[in-house]
Amino acid sequence: MPKNRQINLLPQEEFDTSIVGRILKWAMGTFRIIVIITEMVVMGAFLSRFWLDAQNADLNDSLKVKTAQISVQSDFEKQFRGLQKKLAIFKQLKQGSKASSRIETISSKLPGDISLSAISLLDNSAQIKGSAGSEISIAQFIANLKAEPTFKNVSLGQINSSESNSSLTLFTIKVTF
């Protein structure tokens, strides 16, 4: 039987020593490394897909559970918001009762010959406009208001004679709470 002979078309000695041969040898080695690294990246991406799919499935399950919890608690949320609105209305009504108690306190301090024409209430002050038969009645009204412990400051703003009735005196008093 004849021996198998290998035929090499590129001579080894001349190929290794020539510039073209060295460049081709270097390029072949470098491209092998690039192909191996590319295959490793592709394999890593392929394998990470399983981990990402598992994570996606876990997130979808968590989303379904939380959606179910929110839908179950929606009735409670509606009741809670309704109670919040009712409490806000009650708070406003309570503040309104504070205003009526202040008006009642002011009117309880009135002497007999004074009539009030307007009371303007703010959060921490009030302006009282009225008319009196004499200045002594106005002084008595101011003294009565100053005697009230809930009022911090009572001051006389304006005092004038009435143009339509000369026996009446018009006045403005400012009260702070």
Protein backbone atom coordinates (compact mmCIF):
# COMPACT_ATOMS: atom_id res chain seq x y z
CA MET A 1 0.00 0.00 0.00
CA PRO A 2 1.18 3.35 -0.80
CA LYS A 3 1.90 5.82 1.93
CA ASN A 4 -0.33 8.84 2.36
CA ARG A 5 1.48 11.89 1.47
CA GLN A 6 0.46 15.34 2.55
CA ILE A 7 0.76 18.06 0.06
CA ASN A 8 1.21 21.56 1.40
CA LEU A 9 0.70 24.14 -1.27
CA LEU A 10 2.11 26.91 0.90
CA PRO A 11 5.66 26.24 1.76
CA GLN A 12 6.24 26.69 5.48
CA GLU A 13 9.66 28.24 5.48
CA GLU A 14 9.01 30.89 2.90
CA PHE A 15 5.50 31.60 4.22
CA ASP A 16 6.71 32.33 7.77
CA THR A 17 9.45 34.63 6.61
CA SER A 18 7.60 36.73 4.08
CA ILE A 19 5.64 39.88 5.12
CA VAL A 20 2.43 38.72 3.50
CA GLY A 21 2.76 35.38 5.23
CA ARG A 22 3.25 36.97 8.65
CA ILE A 23 0.26 39.29 8.11
CA LEU A 24 -1.93 36.40 7.01
CA LYS A 25 -0.83 34.30 10.00
CA TRP A 26 -1.49 37.19 12.39
CA ALA A 27 -4.88 37.93 10.80
CA MET A 28 -5.93 34.28 11.02
CA GLY A 29 -5.03 34.14 14.72
CA THR A 30 -6.70 37.45 15.52
CA PHE A 31 -9.89 36.57 13.67
CA ARG A 32 -10.04 33.25 15.51
CA ILE A 33 -9.93 35.15 18.81
CA ILE A 34 -12.61 37.60 17.62
CA VAL A 35 -14.85 34.72 16.52
CA ILE A 36 -14.37 32.96 19.87
CA ILE A 37 -15.17 36.15 21.84
CA THR A 38 -18.23 36.80 19.66
CA GLU A 39 -19.46 33.26 20.24
CA MET A 40 -18.98 33.70 23.99
CA VAL A 41 -21.01 36.94 23.95
CA VAL A 42 -23.79 35.27 21.94
CA MET A 43 -23.84 32.29 24.32
CA GLY A 44 -23.95 34.65 27.31
CA ALA A 45 -26.86 36.56 25.79
CA PHE A 46 -28.66 33.32 25.00
CA LEU A 47 -28.18 31.99 28.53
CA SER A 48 -29.15 35.31 30.15
CA ARG A 49 -32.43 35.16 28.25
CA PHE A 50 -33.59 32.36 30.56
CA TRP A 51 -32.82 34.46 33.63
CA LEU A 52 -34.57 37.51 32.11
CA ASP A 53 -37.63 35.40 31.18
CA ALA A 54 -37.85 34.11 34.76
CA GLN A 55 -37.55 37.64 36.11
CA ASN A 56 -40.23 38.87 33.69
CA ALA A 57 -42.58 36.07 34.75
CA ASP A 58 -42.02 36.95 38.43
CA LEU A 59 -42.78 40.61 37.73
CA ASN A 60 -45.95 39.70 35.82
CA ASP A 61 -47.11 37.51 38.72
CA SER A 62 -46.36 40.29 41.20
CA LEU A 63 -48.28 42.76 39.02
CA LYS A 64 -51.31 40.46 38.92
CA VAL A 65 -51.26 40.05 42.71
CA LYS A 66 -50.98 43.79 43.32
CA THR A 67 -53.73 44.52 40.79
CA ALA A 68 -55.98 42.07 42.62
CA GLN A 69 -55.15 43.72 45.97
CA ILE A 70 -55.96 47.17 44.60
CA SER A 71 -59.26 46.03 43.12
CA VAL A 72 -60.20 44.36 46.43
CA GLN A 73 -59.39 47.51 48.40
CA SER A 74 -61.15 49.91 46.01
CA ASP A 75 -64.39 49.81 48.04
CA PHE A 76 -62.47 50.65 51.20
CA GLU A 77 -60.72 53.49 49.35
CA LYS A 78 -64.07 54.91 48.21
CA GLN A 79 -65.43 54.77 51.77
CA PHE A 80 -62.27 56.36 53.11
CA ARG A 81 -62.42 59.23 50.60
CA GLY A 82 -66.12 59.74 51.38
CA LEU A 83 -65.31 60.02 55.08
CA GLN A 84 -62.51 62.47 54.29
CA LYS A 85 -64.98 64.69 52.41
CA LYS A 86 -67.49 64.50 55.27
CA LEU A 87 -64.78 65.42 57.78
CA ALA A 88 -63.78 68.42 55.65
CA ILE A 89 -67.41 69.58 55.56
CA PHE A 90 -67.71 69.09 59.31
CA LYS A 91 -64.53 71.08 59.87
CA GLN A 92 -65.94 73.97 57.82
CA LEU A 93 -69.21 73.83 59.77
CA LYS A 94 -67.30 73.79 63.04
CA GLN A 95 -65.42 76.93 61.99
CA GLY A 96 -68.76 78.51 61.12
CA SER A 97 -70.04 77.80 64.63
CA LYS A 98 -66.96 79.58 65.99
CA ALA A 99 -67.97 82.66 63.98
CA SER A 100 -71.54 82.51 65.30
CA SER A 101 -70.28 82.20 68.88
CA ARG A 102 -68.08 85.27 68.35
CA ILE A 103 -71.02 87.25 66.96
CA GLU A 104 -73.10 86.12 69.94
CA THR A 105 -70.35 87.21 72.35
CA ILE A 106 -70.12 90.64 70.69
CA SER A 107 -73.87 91.16 70.67
CA SER A 108 -74.13 90.16 74.36
CA LYS A 109 -71.82 93.08 75.25
CA LEU A 110 -74.06 95.71 73.59
CA PRO A 111 -75.57 98.48 75.71
CA GLY A 112 -79.25 99.25 75.16
CA ASP A 113 -79.03 102.29 72.88
CA ILE A 114 -76.50 100.90 70.37
CA SER A 115 -77.58 99.24 67.15
CA LEU A 116 -75.12 97.42 64.89
CA SER A 117 -75.21 97.89 61.14
CA ALA A 118 -72.42 95.44 60.14
CA ILE A 119 -70.04 92.88 61.59
CA SER A 120 -67.20 91.67 59.37
CA LEU A 121 -65.42 88.56 60.66
CA LEU A 122 -61.99 87.39 59.53
CA ASP A 123 -59.90 84.52 60.92
CA ASN A 124 -58.48 86.44 63.86
CA SER A 125 -60.25 89.81 63.83
CA ALA A 126 -63.62 91.48 63.46
CA GLN A 127 -64.79 94.94 62.42
CA ILE A 128 -67.98 96.24 64.03
CA LYS A 129 -69.96 99.15 62.56
CA GLY A 130 -72.90 100.66 64.33
CA SER A 131 -74.68 103.71 65.65
CA ALA A 132 -75.28 104.94 69.19
CA GLY A 133 -77.34 107.62 70.90
CA SER A 134 -74.33 108.89 72.86
CA GLU A 135 -70.58 108.57 73.08
CA ILE A 136 -70.92 107.23 76.62
CA SER A 137 -72.68 104.16 75.20
CA ILE A 138 -69.83 103.64 72.74
CA ALA A 139 -67.29 103.92 75.60
CA GLN A 140 -69.34 101.41 77.63
CA PHE A 141 -69.47 99.01 74.65
CA ILE A 142 -65.67 99.23 74.22
CA ALA A 143 -65.17 98.63 77.95
CA ASN A 144 -67.48 95.59 77.81
CA LEU A 145 -65.54 94.21 74.86
CA LYS A 146 -62.19 94.78 76.59
CA ALA A 147 -63.48 92.90 79.63
CA GLU A 148 -64.04 89.79 77.51
CA PRO A 149 -60.97 87.49 77.96
CA THR A 150 -61.21 85.94 74.46
CA PHE A 151 -60.58 89.31 72.79
CA LYS A 152 -56.91 90.33 72.63
CA ASN A 153 -57.24 93.90 71.44
CA VAL A 154 -60.19 96.29 71.08
CA SER A 155 -59.67 99.63 69.32
CA LEU A 156 -61.96 102.42 68.14
CA GLY A 157 -61.44 103.04 64.43
CA GLN A 158 -63.75 105.90 63.43
CA ILE A 159 -66.38 108.00 65.11
CA ASN A 160 -68.63 110.42 63.18
CA SER A 161 -71.95 112.15 63.48
CA SER A 162 -74.74 110.79 61.32
CA GLU A 163 -75.68 113.03 58.40
CA SER A 164 -79.30 111.88 58.35
CA ASN A 165 -79.89 112.01 62.14
CA SER A 166 -77.78 114.42 64.18
CA SER A 167 -78.64 112.68 67.47
CA LEU A 168 -76.86 109.46 66.35
CA THR A 169 -73.11 108.84 66.40
CA LEU A 170 -71.63 106.38 63.88
CA PHE A 171 -68.62 104.31 64.97
CA THR A 172 -66.26 101.55 63.81
CA ILE A 173 -64.51 99.22 66.29
CA LYS A 174 -61.82 96.67 65.47
CA VAL A 175 -61.49 93.55 67.64
CA THR A 176 -58.68 90.97 67.43
CA PHE A 177 -59.07 87.46 68.80
